[in-house]
Amino acid sequence: MKKKFLLDTNTLSSLVQKYADNHAIISSKASSINDNDEIYVSIVSLYEMEYGARHAKDIDMANEMRAAIESVKNNFSILALSEEGAKIFAEIKERYKQEAHLGKKALITQNIDLMIASTALEIGAILVSNDHKIFALIQKIHNDFQWENWTQ
């Protein structure tokens, strides 16, 4: 059976940046998936990577980030946000708010992760991330949500 994987920004960054702490293990796991399986990236992750490149400590780091962004664009299918994803986002954000007992400001900080999770749900993909707390809770409140941590 064909699997779909959606890489969260932290996993994606570790995969395409050789100096990253988890590069070796994530690269190994990405290389070991079945040839029929598909790996996707959310446009939101590119937004986050562009911001990271813009605020890099020095020109060398910025250049590495830009090279990583180009590698992502050339090697992965980039998924746009959609109207259906927006509906899923609204549902899981409301349920997440209730389960996590978060106020409005604290909830806003979770928007990007919730958008990426919504995209994974929309396309039936396994989200790959090491953000255990938020995605374990989403898995608890949404039966169809699947996620894996490739750093373990």
N, C-alpha and C. Protein backbone atom coordinates (compact mmCIF):
# COMPACT_ATOMS: atom_id res chain seq x y z
N MET A 1 0.84 -1.19 0.00
CA MET A 1 0.00 0.00 0.00
C MET A 1 0.88 1.25 0.00
N LYS A 2 0.56 2.17 -0.85
CA LYS A 2 1.30 3.42 -1.00
C LYS A 2 1.06 4.32 0.22
N LYS A 3 2.15 4.87 0.76
CA LYS A 3 2.04 5.79 1.89
C LYS A 3 2.41 7.19 1.44
N LYS A 4 1.82 8.15 2.11
CA LYS A 4 2.15 9.55 1.89
C LYS A 4 2.71 10.09 3.21
N PHE A 5 3.78 10.86 3.08
CA PHE A 5 4.40 11.50 4.24
C PHE A 5 4.44 13.00 4.00
N LEU A 6 4.09 13.76 5.03
CA LEU A 6 4.20 15.22 4.98
C LEU A 6 5.22 15.61 6.04
N LEU A 7 6.30 16.24 5.60
CA LEU A 7 7.37 16.61 6.52
C LEU A 7 7.07 17.96 7.17
N ASP A 8 7.08 17.97 8.49
CA ASP A 8 6.97 19.21 9.24
C ASP A 8 8.28 19.99 9.05
N THR A 9 8.25 21.26 9.33
CA THR A 9 9.40 22.12 9.09
C THR A 9 10.64 21.65 9.83
N ASN A 10 10.50 21.20 11.08
CA ASN A 10 11.69 20.77 11.81
C ASN A 10 12.33 19.54 11.17
N THR A 11 11.53 18.61 10.70
CA THR A 11 12.05 17.42 10.03
C THR A 11 12.67 17.80 8.69
N LEU A 12 11.99 18.63 7.96
CA LEU A 12 12.48 19.07 6.66
C LEU A 12 13.82 19.79 6.79
N SER A 13 13.92 20.69 7.74
CA SER A 13 15.17 21.42 7.94
C SER A 13 16.31 20.48 8.29
N SER A 14 16.05 19.51 9.16
CA SER A 14 17.08 18.54 9.52
C SER A 14 17.48 17.68 8.34
N LEU A 15 16.54 17.39 7.47
CA LEU A 15 16.82 16.56 6.31
C LEU A 15 17.72 17.27 5.30
N VAL A 16 17.45 18.53 5.03
CA VAL A 16 18.17 19.22 3.95
C VAL A 16 19.38 20.02 4.42
N GLN A 17 19.59 20.13 5.73
CA GLN A 17 20.75 20.85 6.25
C GLN A 17 21.70 19.87 6.92
N LYS A 18 22.82 19.62 6.29
CA LYS A 18 23.75 18.59 6.75
C LYS A 18 24.32 18.85 8.14
N TYR A 19 24.35 20.08 8.58
CA TYR A 19 24.88 20.40 9.91
C TYR A 19 23.85 20.20 11.02
N ALA A 20 22.61 19.94 10.69
CA ALA A 20 21.54 19.81 11.68
C ALA A 20 21.77 18.59 12.58
N ASP A 21 21.35 18.71 13.83
CA ASP A 21 21.55 17.65 14.82
C ASP A 21 21.01 16.30 14.37
N ASN A 22 19.84 16.27 13.80
CA ASN A 22 19.19 15.00 13.45
C ASN A 22 19.31 14.63 11.98
N HIS A 23 20.22 15.28 11.25
CA HIS A 23 20.33 15.05 9.80
C HIS A 23 20.54 13.57 9.46
N ALA A 24 21.48 12.93 10.11
CA ALA A 24 21.83 11.55 9.74
C ALA A 24 20.66 10.59 9.92
N ILE A 25 20.00 10.66 11.04
CA ILE A 25 18.90 9.72 11.30
C ILE A 25 17.69 10.00 10.41
N ILE A 26 17.37 11.27 10.21
CA ILE A 26 16.22 11.61 9.37
C ILE A 26 16.52 11.27 7.91
N SER A 27 17.72 11.55 7.47
CA SER A 27 18.13 11.22 6.10
C SER A 27 18.06 9.71 5.87
N SER A 28 18.49 8.94 6.85
CA SER A 28 18.45 7.49 6.76
C SER A 28 17.01 6.98 6.65
N LYS A 29 16.13 7.53 7.48
CA LYS A 29 14.73 7.10 7.43
C LYS A 29 14.06 7.52 6.13
N ALA A 30 14.35 8.72 5.64
CA ALA A 30 13.77 9.18 4.37
C ALA A 30 14.25 8.28 3.23
N SER A 31 15.50 7.87 3.27
CA SER A 31 16.06 7.01 2.22
C SER A 31 15.48 5.61 2.25
N SER A 32 14.99 5.20 3.42
CA SER A 32 14.51 3.82 3.56
C SER A 32 13.04 3.64 3.22
N ILE A 33 12.32 4.73 2.92
CA ILE A 33 10.90 4.53 2.59
C ILE A 33 10.78 3.90 1.21
N ASN A 34 9.69 3.25 1.00
CA ASN A 34 9.41 2.54 -0.24
C ASN A 34 9.40 3.50 -1.43
N ASP A 35 9.90 3.05 -2.57
CA ASP A 35 9.93 3.89 -3.78
C ASP A 35 8.54 4.33 -4.23
N ASN A 36 7.51 3.58 -3.89
CA ASN A 36 6.15 3.95 -4.28
C ASN A 36 5.54 5.00 -3.35
N ASP A 37 6.15 5.17 -2.20
CA ASP A 37 5.65 6.15 -1.24
C ASP A 37 5.98 7.56 -1.71
N GLU A 38 5.24 8.54 -1.18
CA GLU A 38 5.44 9.93 -1.59
C GLU A 38 5.75 10.80 -0.38
N ILE A 39 6.65 11.76 -0.57
CA ILE A 39 6.99 12.71 0.48
C ILE A 39 6.58 14.11 0.00
N TYR A 40 5.84 14.81 0.86
CA TYR A 40 5.34 16.14 0.54
C TYR A 40 5.85 17.16 1.55
N VAL A 41 5.75 18.41 1.15
CA VAL A 41 6.11 19.55 1.99
C VAL A 41 5.00 20.57 1.87
N SER A 42 4.63 21.18 2.99
CA SER A 42 3.63 22.25 2.97
C SER A 42 4.29 23.57 2.58
N ILE A 43 3.58 24.37 1.85
CA ILE A 43 4.06 25.71 1.51
C ILE A 43 4.39 26.50 2.79
N VAL A 44 3.69 26.19 3.87
CA VAL A 44 3.93 26.86 5.15
C VAL A 44 5.36 26.60 5.62
N SER A 45 5.87 25.41 5.38
CA SER A 45 7.26 25.11 5.76
C SER A 45 8.24 25.96 4.96
N LEU A 46 7.94 26.19 3.70
CA LEU A 46 8.81 27.08 2.91
C LEU A 46 8.78 28.49 3.47
N TYR A 47 7.61 28.94 3.90
CA TYR A 47 7.51 30.27 4.53
C TYR A 47 8.43 30.33 5.75
N GLU A 48 8.38 29.28 6.58
CA GLU A 48 9.21 29.27 7.79
C GLU A 48 10.70 29.22 7.44
N MET A 49 11.05 28.45 6.42
CA MET A 49 12.45 28.37 6.02
C MET A 49 12.95 29.70 5.45
N GLU A 50 12.11 30.37 4.69
CA GLU A 50 12.49 31.68 4.16
C GLU A 50 12.72 32.68 5.29
N TYR A 51 11.88 32.62 6.29
CA TYR A 51 12.06 33.49 7.45
C TYR A 51 13.39 33.17 8.15
N GLY A 52 13.68 31.89 8.30
CA GLY A 52 14.94 31.47 8.90
C GLY A 52 16.14 31.97 8.12
N ALA A 53 16.07 31.89 6.81
CA ALA A 53 17.18 32.38 5.98
C ALA A 53 17.34 33.89 6.12
N ARG A 54 16.25 34.57 6.20
CA ARG A 54 16.27 36.03 6.32
C ARG A 54 16.91 36.48 7.63
N HIS A 55 16.76 35.66 8.66
CA HIS A 55 17.26 36.02 9.99
C HIS A 55 18.46 35.18 10.42
N ALA A 56 19.19 34.64 9.46
CA ALA A 56 20.37 33.84 9.77
C ALA A 56 21.44 34.70 10.44
N LYS A 57 22.27 34.06 11.27
CA LYS A 57 23.31 34.76 12.02
C LYS A 57 24.35 35.41 11.13
N ASP A 58 24.66 34.77 10.03
CA ASP A 58 25.69 35.30 9.14
C ASP A 58 25.39 34.91 7.70
N ILE A 59 26.19 35.44 6.79
CA ILE A 59 25.95 35.24 5.35
C ILE A 59 26.12 33.77 4.95
N ASP A 60 27.05 33.06 5.57
CA ASP A 60 27.25 31.64 5.24
C ASP A 60 26.01 30.82 5.62
N MET A 61 25.49 31.09 6.80
CA MET A 61 24.28 30.39 7.26
C MET A 61 23.11 30.74 6.34
N ALA A 62 22.98 31.99 5.96
CA ALA A 62 21.90 32.40 5.06
C ALA A 62 22.03 31.69 3.72
N ASN A 63 23.24 31.60 3.21
CA ASN A 63 23.47 30.91 1.93
C ASN A 63 23.13 29.42 2.04
N GLU A 64 23.47 28.79 3.16
CA GLU A 64 23.11 27.38 3.36
C GLU A 64 21.59 27.21 3.40
N MET A 65 20.93 28.14 4.07
CA MET A 65 19.47 28.07 4.14
C MET A 65 18.85 28.25 2.75
N ARG A 66 19.36 29.18 1.98
CA ARG A 66 18.84 29.39 0.62
C ARG A 66 19.06 28.14 -0.24
N ALA A 67 20.23 27.50 -0.09
CA ALA A 67 20.50 26.26 -0.83
C ALA A 67 19.53 25.16 -0.39
N ALA A 68 19.24 25.11 0.91
CA ALA A 68 18.30 24.11 1.42
C ALA A 68 16.90 24.34 0.85
N ILE A 69 16.51 25.60 0.78
CA ILE A 69 15.20 25.94 0.21
C ILE A 69 15.12 25.51 -1.25
N GLU A 70 16.15 25.77 -2.01
CA GLU A 70 16.17 25.35 -3.42
C GLU A 70 16.12 23.83 -3.53
N SER A 71 16.81 23.13 -2.64
CA SER A 71 16.78 21.67 -2.64
C SER A 71 15.36 21.16 -2.39
N VAL A 72 14.66 21.79 -1.45
CA VAL A 72 13.27 21.41 -1.17
C VAL A 72 12.41 21.62 -2.40
N LYS A 73 12.53 22.77 -3.03
CA LYS A 73 11.72 23.09 -4.21
C LYS A 73 11.98 22.10 -5.34
N ASN A 74 13.22 21.65 -5.47
CA ASN A 74 13.59 20.76 -6.58
C ASN A 74 13.30 19.29 -6.32
N ASN A 75 13.14 18.91 -5.04
CA ASN A 75 13.06 17.48 -4.72
C ASN A 75 11.74 17.02 -4.11
N PHE A 76 10.86 17.93 -3.77
CA PHE A 76 9.61 17.54 -3.12
C PHE A 76 8.41 18.21 -3.78
N SER A 77 7.27 17.55 -3.65
CA SER A 77 6.02 18.17 -4.08
C SER A 77 5.59 19.13 -2.98
N ILE A 78 5.35 20.38 -3.36
CA ILE A 78 4.95 21.42 -2.42
C ILE A 78 3.43 21.53 -2.45
N LEU A 79 2.82 21.42 -1.28
CA LEU A 79 1.37 21.48 -1.18
C LEU A 79 0.91 22.87 -0.75
N ALA A 80 -0.03 23.41 -1.49
CA ALA A 80 -0.62 24.70 -1.15
C ALA A 80 -1.68 24.51 -0.07
N LEU A 81 -2.04 25.58 0.56
CA LEU A 81 -3.18 25.56 1.47
C LEU A 81 -4.45 25.55 0.63
N SER A 82 -5.53 24.99 1.17
CA SER A 82 -6.74 24.84 0.37
C SER A 82 -7.98 25.17 1.20
N GLU A 83 -9.09 25.28 0.52
CA GLU A 83 -10.36 25.53 1.20
C GLU A 83 -10.76 24.36 2.09
N GLU A 84 -10.57 23.14 1.61
CA GLU A 84 -10.89 21.97 2.43
C GLU A 84 -9.99 21.91 3.66
N GLY A 85 -8.71 22.22 3.47
CA GLY A 85 -7.79 22.25 4.59
C GLY A 85 -8.19 23.29 5.62
N ALA A 86 -8.74 24.41 5.17
CA ALA A 86 -9.19 25.46 6.09
C ALA A 86 -10.31 24.95 6.99
N LYS A 87 -11.21 24.14 6.43
CA LYS A 87 -12.30 23.57 7.23
C LYS A 87 -11.75 22.60 8.28
N ILE A 88 -10.79 21.79 7.87
CA ILE A 88 -10.16 20.84 8.80
C ILE A 88 -9.42 21.62 9.89
N PHE A 89 -8.71 22.66 9.48
CA PHE A 89 -7.99 23.51 10.43
C PHE A 89 -8.93 24.06 11.50
N ALA A 90 -10.07 24.59 11.08
CA ALA A 90 -11.03 25.16 12.03
C ALA A 90 -11.51 24.10 13.03
N GLU A 91 -11.77 22.91 12.53
CA GLU A 91 -12.23 21.83 13.40
C GLU A 91 -11.16 21.44 14.42
N ILE A 92 -9.94 21.16 13.93
CA ILE A 92 -8.93 20.67 14.88
C ILE A 92 -8.44 21.79 15.79
N LYS A 93 -8.45 23.03 15.33
CA LYS A 93 -8.04 24.13 16.21
C LYS A 93 -9.02 24.28 17.37
N GLU A 94 -10.30 24.20 17.07
CA GLU A 94 -11.30 24.31 18.13
C GLU A 94 -11.17 23.16 19.13
N ARG A 95 -11.03 21.96 18.62
CA ARG A 95 -10.90 20.79 19.51
C ARG A 95 -9.59 20.84 20.28
N TYR A 96 -8.52 21.28 19.63
CA TYR A 96 -7.22 21.41 20.30
C TYR A 96 -7.30 22.44 21.42
N LYS A 97 -7.97 23.55 21.15
CA LYS A 97 -8.15 24.60 22.17
C LYS A 97 -8.83 24.04 23.40
N GLN A 98 -9.87 23.25 23.20
CA GLN A 98 -10.62 22.68 24.31
C GLN A 98 -9.77 21.66 25.09
N GLU A 99 -9.07 20.80 24.37
CA GLU A 99 -8.28 19.76 25.02
C GLU A 99 -7.04 20.31 25.72
N ALA A 100 -6.37 21.28 25.10
CA ALA A 100 -5.13 21.82 25.65
C ALA A 100 -5.39 22.92 26.67
N HIS A 101 -6.65 23.38 26.74
CA HIS A 101 -7.03 24.46 27.67
C HIS A 101 -6.16 25.70 27.45
N LEU A 102 -6.10 26.14 26.21
CA LEU A 102 -5.27 27.29 25.86
C LEU A 102 -6.12 28.54 25.70
N GLY A 103 -5.52 29.67 26.04
CA GLY A 103 -6.14 30.95 25.77
C GLY A 103 -5.88 31.35 24.33
N LYS A 104 -6.49 32.45 23.93
CA LYS A 104 -6.40 32.91 22.54
C LYS A 104 -4.96 33.16 22.09
N LYS A 105 -4.16 33.84 22.91
CA LYS A 105 -2.78 34.15 22.53
C LYS A 105 -1.93 32.89 22.43
N ALA A 106 -2.05 32.00 23.39
CA ALA A 106 -1.29 30.75 23.37
C ALA A 106 -1.68 29.90 22.17
N LEU A 107 -2.95 29.92 21.81
CA LEU A 107 -3.44 29.13 20.69
C LEU A 107 -2.88 29.64 19.37
N ILE A 108 -2.74 30.95 19.24
CA ILE A 108 -2.21 31.53 18.00
C ILE A 108 -0.81 31.01 17.69
N THR A 109 -0.02 30.76 18.71
CA THR A 109 1.35 30.26 18.48
C THR A 109 1.35 28.87 17.85
N GLN A 110 0.22 28.18 17.90
CA GLN A 110 0.13 26.83 17.34
C GLN A 110 -0.40 26.81 15.90
N ASN A 111 -0.74 27.96 15.34
CA ASN A 111 -1.40 28.01 14.03
C ASN A 111 -0.63 27.28 12.94
N ILE A 112 0.67 27.49 12.85
CA ILE A 112 1.44 26.87 11.76
C ILE A 112 1.40 25.36 11.88
N ASP A 113 1.64 24.84 13.07
CA ASP A 113 1.58 23.38 13.25
C ASP A 113 0.18 22.84 12.96
N LEU A 114 -0.84 23.58 13.34
CA LEU A 114 -2.20 23.14 13.06
C LEU A 114 -2.52 23.18 11.56
N MET A 115 -1.98 24.15 10.84
CA MET A 115 -2.17 24.19 9.38
C MET A 115 -1.49 23.00 8.71
N ILE A 116 -0.29 22.69 9.16
CA ILE A 116 0.43 21.56 8.57
C ILE A 116 -0.29 20.25 8.91
N ALA A 117 -0.78 20.11 10.14
CA ALA A 117 -1.54 18.91 10.51
C ALA A 117 -2.82 18.81 9.68
N SER A 118 -3.47 19.93 9.43
CA SER A 118 -4.69 19.95 8.61
C SER A 118 -4.40 19.47 7.20
N THR A 119 -3.27 19.88 6.67
CA THR A 119 -2.87 19.45 5.32
C THR A 119 -2.64 17.94 5.30
N ALA A 120 -1.98 17.43 6.33
CA ALA A 120 -1.75 15.98 6.42
C ALA A 120 -3.07 15.22 6.46
N LEU A 121 -4.01 15.71 7.25
CA LEU A 121 -5.33 15.08 7.32
C LEU A 121 -6.04 15.14 5.97
N GLU A 122 -5.95 16.28 5.33
CA GLU A 122 -6.64 16.46 4.05
C GLU A 122 -6.18 15.46 2.99
N ILE A 123 -4.88 15.21 2.92
CA ILE A 123 -4.36 14.33 1.86
C ILE A 123 -4.15 12.89 2.34
N GLY A 124 -4.45 12.63 3.61
CA GLY A 124 -4.27 11.28 4.15
C GLY A 124 -2.82 10.90 4.32
N ALA A 125 -2.01 11.87 4.74
CA ALA A 125 -0.57 11.63 4.90
C ALA A 125 -0.21 11.45 6.37
N ILE A 126 0.90 10.79 6.58
CA ILE A 126 1.50 10.68 7.91
C ILE A 126 2.38 11.91 8.09
N LEU A 127 2.12 12.68 9.12
CA LEU A 127 2.93 13.85 9.40
C LEU A 127 4.20 13.40 10.10
N VAL A 128 5.34 13.89 9.63
CA VAL A 128 6.62 13.54 10.24
C VAL A 128 7.15 14.77 10.95
N SER A 129 7.26 14.66 12.29
CA SER A 129 7.68 15.79 13.11
C SER A 129 8.24 15.30 14.43
N ASN A 130 9.07 16.11 15.07
CA ASN A 130 9.50 15.76 16.41
C ASN A 130 8.82 16.65 17.46
N ASP A 131 7.75 17.33 17.07
CA ASP A 131 6.95 18.13 18.00
C ASP A 131 5.92 17.22 18.68
N HIS A 132 6.38 16.48 19.65
CA HIS A 132 5.56 15.43 20.27
C HIS A 132 4.29 15.96 20.91
N LYS A 133 4.39 17.02 21.69
CA LYS A 133 3.26 17.45 22.52
C LYS A 133 2.02 17.80 21.69
N ILE A 134 2.17 18.67 20.70
CA ILE A 134 1.01 19.11 19.93
C ILE A 134 0.43 17.98 19.07
N PHE A 135 1.30 17.20 18.42
CA PHE A 135 0.79 16.20 17.50
C PHE A 135 0.24 14.96 18.21
N ALA A 136 0.76 14.65 19.39
CA ALA A 136 0.17 13.56 20.18
C ALA A 136 -1.25 13.93 20.60
N LEU A 137 -1.45 15.20 20.94
CA LEU A 137 -2.80 15.64 21.33
C LEU A 137 -3.74 15.66 20.13
N ILE A 138 -3.25 16.11 18.97
CA ILE A 138 -4.09 16.10 17.76
C ILE A 138 -4.48 14.67 17.42
N GLN A 139 -3.54 13.75 17.58
CA GLN A 139 -3.84 12.34 17.31
C GLN A 139 -4.93 11.83 18.27
N LYS A 140 -4.90 12.31 19.47
CA LYS A 140 -5.91 11.91 20.47
C LYS A 140 -7.29 12.45 20.10
N ILE A 141 -7.35 13.67 19.55
CA ILE A 141 -8.66 14.28 19.28
C ILE A 141 -9.16 14.02 17.86
N HIS A 142 -8.29 13.51 16.99
CA HIS A 142 -8.72 13.23 15.61
C HIS A 142 -8.21 11.85 15.21
N ASN A 143 -9.11 10.89 15.15
CA ASN A 143 -8.75 9.49 14.92
C ASN A 143 -7.96 9.25 13.63
N ASP A 144 -8.21 10.04 12.60
CA ASP A 144 -7.56 9.82 11.32
C ASP A 144 -6.14 10.38 11.25
N PHE A 145 -5.75 11.17 12.23
CA PHE A 145 -4.43 11.81 12.19
C PHE A 145 -3.34 10.82 12.58
N GLN A 146 -2.32 10.76 11.72
CA GLN A 146 -1.17 9.90 11.97
C GLN A 146 0.09 10.76 11.96
N TRP A 147 1.03 10.44 12.85
CA TRP A 147 2.29 11.15 12.83
C TRP A 147 3.41 10.21 13.30
N GLU A 148 4.60 10.52 12.85
CA GLU A 148 5.79 9.77 13.22
C GLU A 148 6.90 10.75 13.57
N ASN A 149 7.78 10.30 14.44
CA ASN A 149 8.96 11.07 14.80
C ASN A 149 10.17 10.32 14.27
N TRP A 150 10.82 10.85 13.24
CA TRP A 150 11.97 10.16 12.63
C TRP A 150 13.27 10.43 13.38
N THR A 151 13.23 11.11 14.51
CA THR A 151 14.45 11.34 15.28
C THR A 151 14.66 10.22 16.30
N GLN A 152 13.71 9.31 16.39
CA GLN A 152 13.83 8.21 17.37
C GLN A 152 14.06 6.90 16.69
